[in-house]
Amino acid sequence: MSGRLGALLKRKANALLESVGFDGQGLIEYALILMLVAIIVVVIVAIFGGSVGNLYSVAINAI
């Protein structure tokens, strides 16, 4: 009995996965990578923002 139930569940799961498709998978992966890069940039700017601002101020005052 459990063998038939397992086979039925496997067929239904495969049918569901095929109906959903994987067309948007690449787009979601690019969005996740972009979000990770944005978070890294925000952290870097938060850490080094003041020193970079001072560096630009010194350069502008030197001109």
N, C-alpha and C. Protein backbone atom coordinates (compact mmCIF):
# COMPACT_ATOMS: atom_id res chain seq x y z
N MET A 1 0.82 -1.20 0.00
CA MET A 1 0.00 0.00 0.00
C MET A 1 0.87 1.26 0.00
N SER A 2 1.91 1.27 0.83
CA SER A 2 2.74 2.47 0.89
C SER A 2 3.54 2.65 -0.40
N GLY A 3 3.85 1.57 -1.10
CA GLY A 3 4.55 1.68 -2.37
C GLY A 3 3.71 2.41 -3.40
N ARG A 4 2.43 2.11 -3.43
CA ARG A 4 1.53 2.79 -4.37
C ARG A 4 1.36 4.25 -3.99
N LEU A 5 1.24 4.51 -2.70
CA LEU A 5 1.08 5.89 -2.24
C LEU A 5 2.33 6.71 -2.56
N GLY A 6 3.51 6.12 -2.33
CA GLY A 6 4.76 6.81 -2.64
C GLY A 6 4.89 7.11 -4.11
N ALA A 7 4.50 6.15 -4.96
CA ALA A 7 4.57 6.36 -6.41
C ALA A 7 3.59 7.44 -6.84
N LEU A 8 2.41 7.45 -6.24
CA LEU A 8 1.41 8.47 -6.57
C LEU A 8 1.91 9.85 -6.17
N LEU A 9 2.47 9.95 -4.95
CA LEU A 9 2.99 11.24 -4.50
C LEU A 9 4.14 11.72 -5.38
N LYS A 10 4.99 10.80 -5.80
CA LYS A 10 6.11 11.16 -6.67
C LYS A 10 5.61 11.67 -8.01
N ARG A 11 4.61 11.01 -8.59
CA ARG A 11 4.04 11.47 -9.87
C ARG A 11 3.41 12.84 -9.73
N LYS A 12 2.67 13.05 -8.63
CA LYS A 12 2.02 14.35 -8.41
C LYS A 12 3.05 15.46 -8.20
N ALA A 13 4.12 15.16 -7.46
CA ALA A 13 5.15 16.16 -7.23
C ALA A 13 5.86 16.51 -8.53
N ASN A 14 6.16 15.52 -9.34
CA ASN A 14 6.80 15.78 -10.63
C ASN A 14 5.90 16.60 -11.55
N ALA A 15 4.60 16.29 -11.55
CA ALA A 15 3.66 17.04 -12.37
C ALA A 15 3.59 18.50 -11.91
N LEU A 16 3.62 18.69 -10.59
CA LEU A 16 3.57 20.05 -10.05
C LEU A 16 4.82 20.83 -10.43
N LEU A 17 5.99 20.21 -10.32
CA LEU A 17 7.24 20.88 -10.68
C LEU A 17 7.29 21.23 -12.16
N GLU A 18 6.78 20.34 -13.00
CA GLU A 18 6.78 20.61 -14.44
C GLU A 18 5.81 21.73 -14.78
N SER A 19 4.69 21.83 -14.06
CA SER A 19 3.72 22.88 -14.37
C SER A 19 4.23 24.25 -13.93
N VAL A 20 5.01 24.29 -12.85
CA VAL A 20 5.54 25.57 -12.38
C VAL A 20 6.64 26.07 -13.30
N GLY A 21 7.54 25.21 -13.68
CA GLY A 21 8.63 25.59 -14.58
C GLY A 21 9.74 26.30 -13.84
N PHE A 22 10.85 26.48 -14.54
CA PHE A 22 12.02 27.11 -13.95
C PHE A 22 12.45 28.33 -14.76
N ASP A 23 11.52 29.00 -15.42
CA ASP A 23 11.86 30.15 -16.26
C ASP A 23 12.40 31.32 -15.45
N GLY A 24 11.87 31.54 -14.27
CA GLY A 24 12.28 32.68 -13.47
C GLY A 24 13.45 32.41 -12.56
N GLN A 25 13.99 31.22 -12.60
CA GLN A 25 15.07 30.86 -11.68
C GLN A 25 16.31 31.72 -11.91
N GLY A 26 16.69 31.93 -13.15
CA GLY A 26 17.87 32.75 -13.44
C GLY A 26 17.68 34.18 -12.99
N LEU A 27 16.49 34.73 -13.20
CA LEU A 27 16.21 36.10 -12.79
C LEU A 27 16.29 36.24 -11.28
N ILE A 28 15.77 35.26 -10.56
CA ILE A 28 15.82 35.30 -9.11
C ILE A 28 17.26 35.19 -8.62
N GLU A 29 18.05 34.36 -9.27
CA GLU A 29 19.45 34.23 -8.87
C GLU A 29 20.19 35.55 -9.09
N TYR A 30 19.96 36.22 -10.21
CA TYR A 30 20.60 37.51 -10.45
C TYR A 30 20.14 38.54 -9.43
N ALA A 31 18.87 38.51 -9.07
CA ALA A 31 18.35 39.46 -8.07
C ALA A 31 18.99 39.21 -6.71
N LEU A 32 19.18 37.95 -6.34
CA LEU A 32 19.83 37.65 -5.07
C LEU A 32 21.29 38.10 -5.06
N ILE A 33 21.98 37.90 -6.16
CA ILE A 33 23.37 38.35 -6.26
C ILE A 33 23.45 39.87 -6.18
N LEU A 34 22.54 40.55 -6.88
CA LEU A 34 22.51 42.01 -6.85
C LEU A 34 22.22 42.51 -5.44
N MET A 35 21.31 41.86 -4.73
CA MET A 35 20.99 42.25 -3.37
C MET A 35 22.20 42.05 -2.45
N LEU A 36 22.92 40.96 -2.63
CA LEU A 36 24.12 40.71 -1.83
C LEU A 36 25.18 41.78 -2.09
N VAL A 37 25.38 42.13 -3.35
CA VAL A 37 26.35 43.18 -3.69
C VAL A 37 25.94 44.51 -3.09
N ALA A 38 24.65 44.83 -3.13
CA ALA A 38 24.17 46.09 -2.56
C ALA A 38 24.40 46.13 -1.05
N ILE A 39 24.17 45.02 -0.38
CA ILE A 39 24.40 44.98 1.07
C ILE A 39 25.88 45.16 1.38
N ILE A 40 26.74 44.54 0.60
CA ILE A 40 28.19 44.68 0.81
C ILE A 40 28.62 46.13 0.59
N VAL A 41 28.09 46.78 -0.43
CA VAL A 41 28.44 48.18 -0.71
C VAL A 41 27.98 49.08 0.44
N VAL A 42 26.79 48.85 0.96
CA VAL A 42 26.30 49.67 2.07
C VAL A 42 27.18 49.49 3.30
N VAL A 43 27.60 48.27 3.58
CA VAL A 43 28.48 48.02 4.72
C VAL A 43 29.82 48.70 4.53
N ILE A 44 30.39 48.61 3.33
CA ILE A 44 31.69 49.25 3.06
C ILE A 44 31.59 50.76 3.18
N VAL A 45 30.52 51.34 2.65
CA VAL A 45 30.34 52.80 2.75
C VAL A 45 30.15 53.21 4.21
N ALA A 46 29.43 52.39 4.97
CA ALA A 46 29.23 52.71 6.38
C ALA A 46 30.55 52.66 7.15
N ILE A 47 31.41 51.74 6.79
CA ILE A 47 32.69 51.60 7.49
C ILE A 47 33.68 52.67 7.05
N PHE A 48 33.83 52.86 5.75
CA PHE A 48 34.87 53.74 5.21
C PHE A 48 34.36 55.09 4.73
N GLY A 49 33.10 55.39 4.89
CA GLY A 49 32.52 56.62 4.35
C GLY A 49 33.16 57.88 4.88
N GLY A 50 33.40 57.93 6.19
CA GLY A 50 33.98 59.13 6.79
C GLY A 50 35.39 59.39 6.31
N SER A 51 36.20 58.34 6.23
CA SER A 51 37.59 58.54 5.81
C SER A 51 37.67 58.91 4.33
N VAL A 52 36.79 58.36 3.52
CA VAL A 52 36.78 58.72 2.09
C VAL A 52 36.33 60.18 1.94
N GLY A 53 35.35 60.59 2.72
CA GLY A 53 34.91 61.99 2.68
C GLY A 53 36.02 62.94 3.08
N ASN A 54 36.78 62.57 4.11
CA ASN A 54 37.92 63.40 4.53
C ASN A 54 38.99 63.45 3.45
N LEU A 55 39.22 62.33 2.79
CA LEU A 55 40.21 62.29 1.71
C LEU A 55 39.83 63.25 0.58
N TYR A 56 38.54 63.25 0.20
CA TYR A 56 38.07 64.17 -0.84
C TYR A 56 38.18 65.62 -0.37
N SER A 57 37.89 65.88 0.89
CA SER A 57 37.98 67.24 1.41
C SER A 57 39.43 67.74 1.36
N VAL A 58 40.36 66.90 1.72
CA VAL A 58 41.77 67.27 1.67
C VAL A 58 42.21 67.53 0.23
N ALA A 59 41.76 66.70 -0.68
CA ALA A 59 42.12 66.88 -2.10
C ALA A 59 41.53 68.17 -2.65
N ILE A 60 40.29 68.47 -2.28
CA ILE A 60 39.66 69.70 -2.79
C ILE A 60 40.33 70.93 -2.19
N ASN A 61 40.65 70.88 -0.91
CA ASN A 61 41.32 72.01 -0.28
C ASN A 61 42.73 72.24 -0.83
N ALA A 62 43.36 71.17 -1.29
CA ALA A 62 44.70 71.29 -1.86
C ALA A 62 44.67 71.96 -3.22
N ILE A 63 43.57 71.87 -3.90
CA ILE A 63 43.45 72.47 -5.24
C ILE A 63 43.21 73.94 -5.04
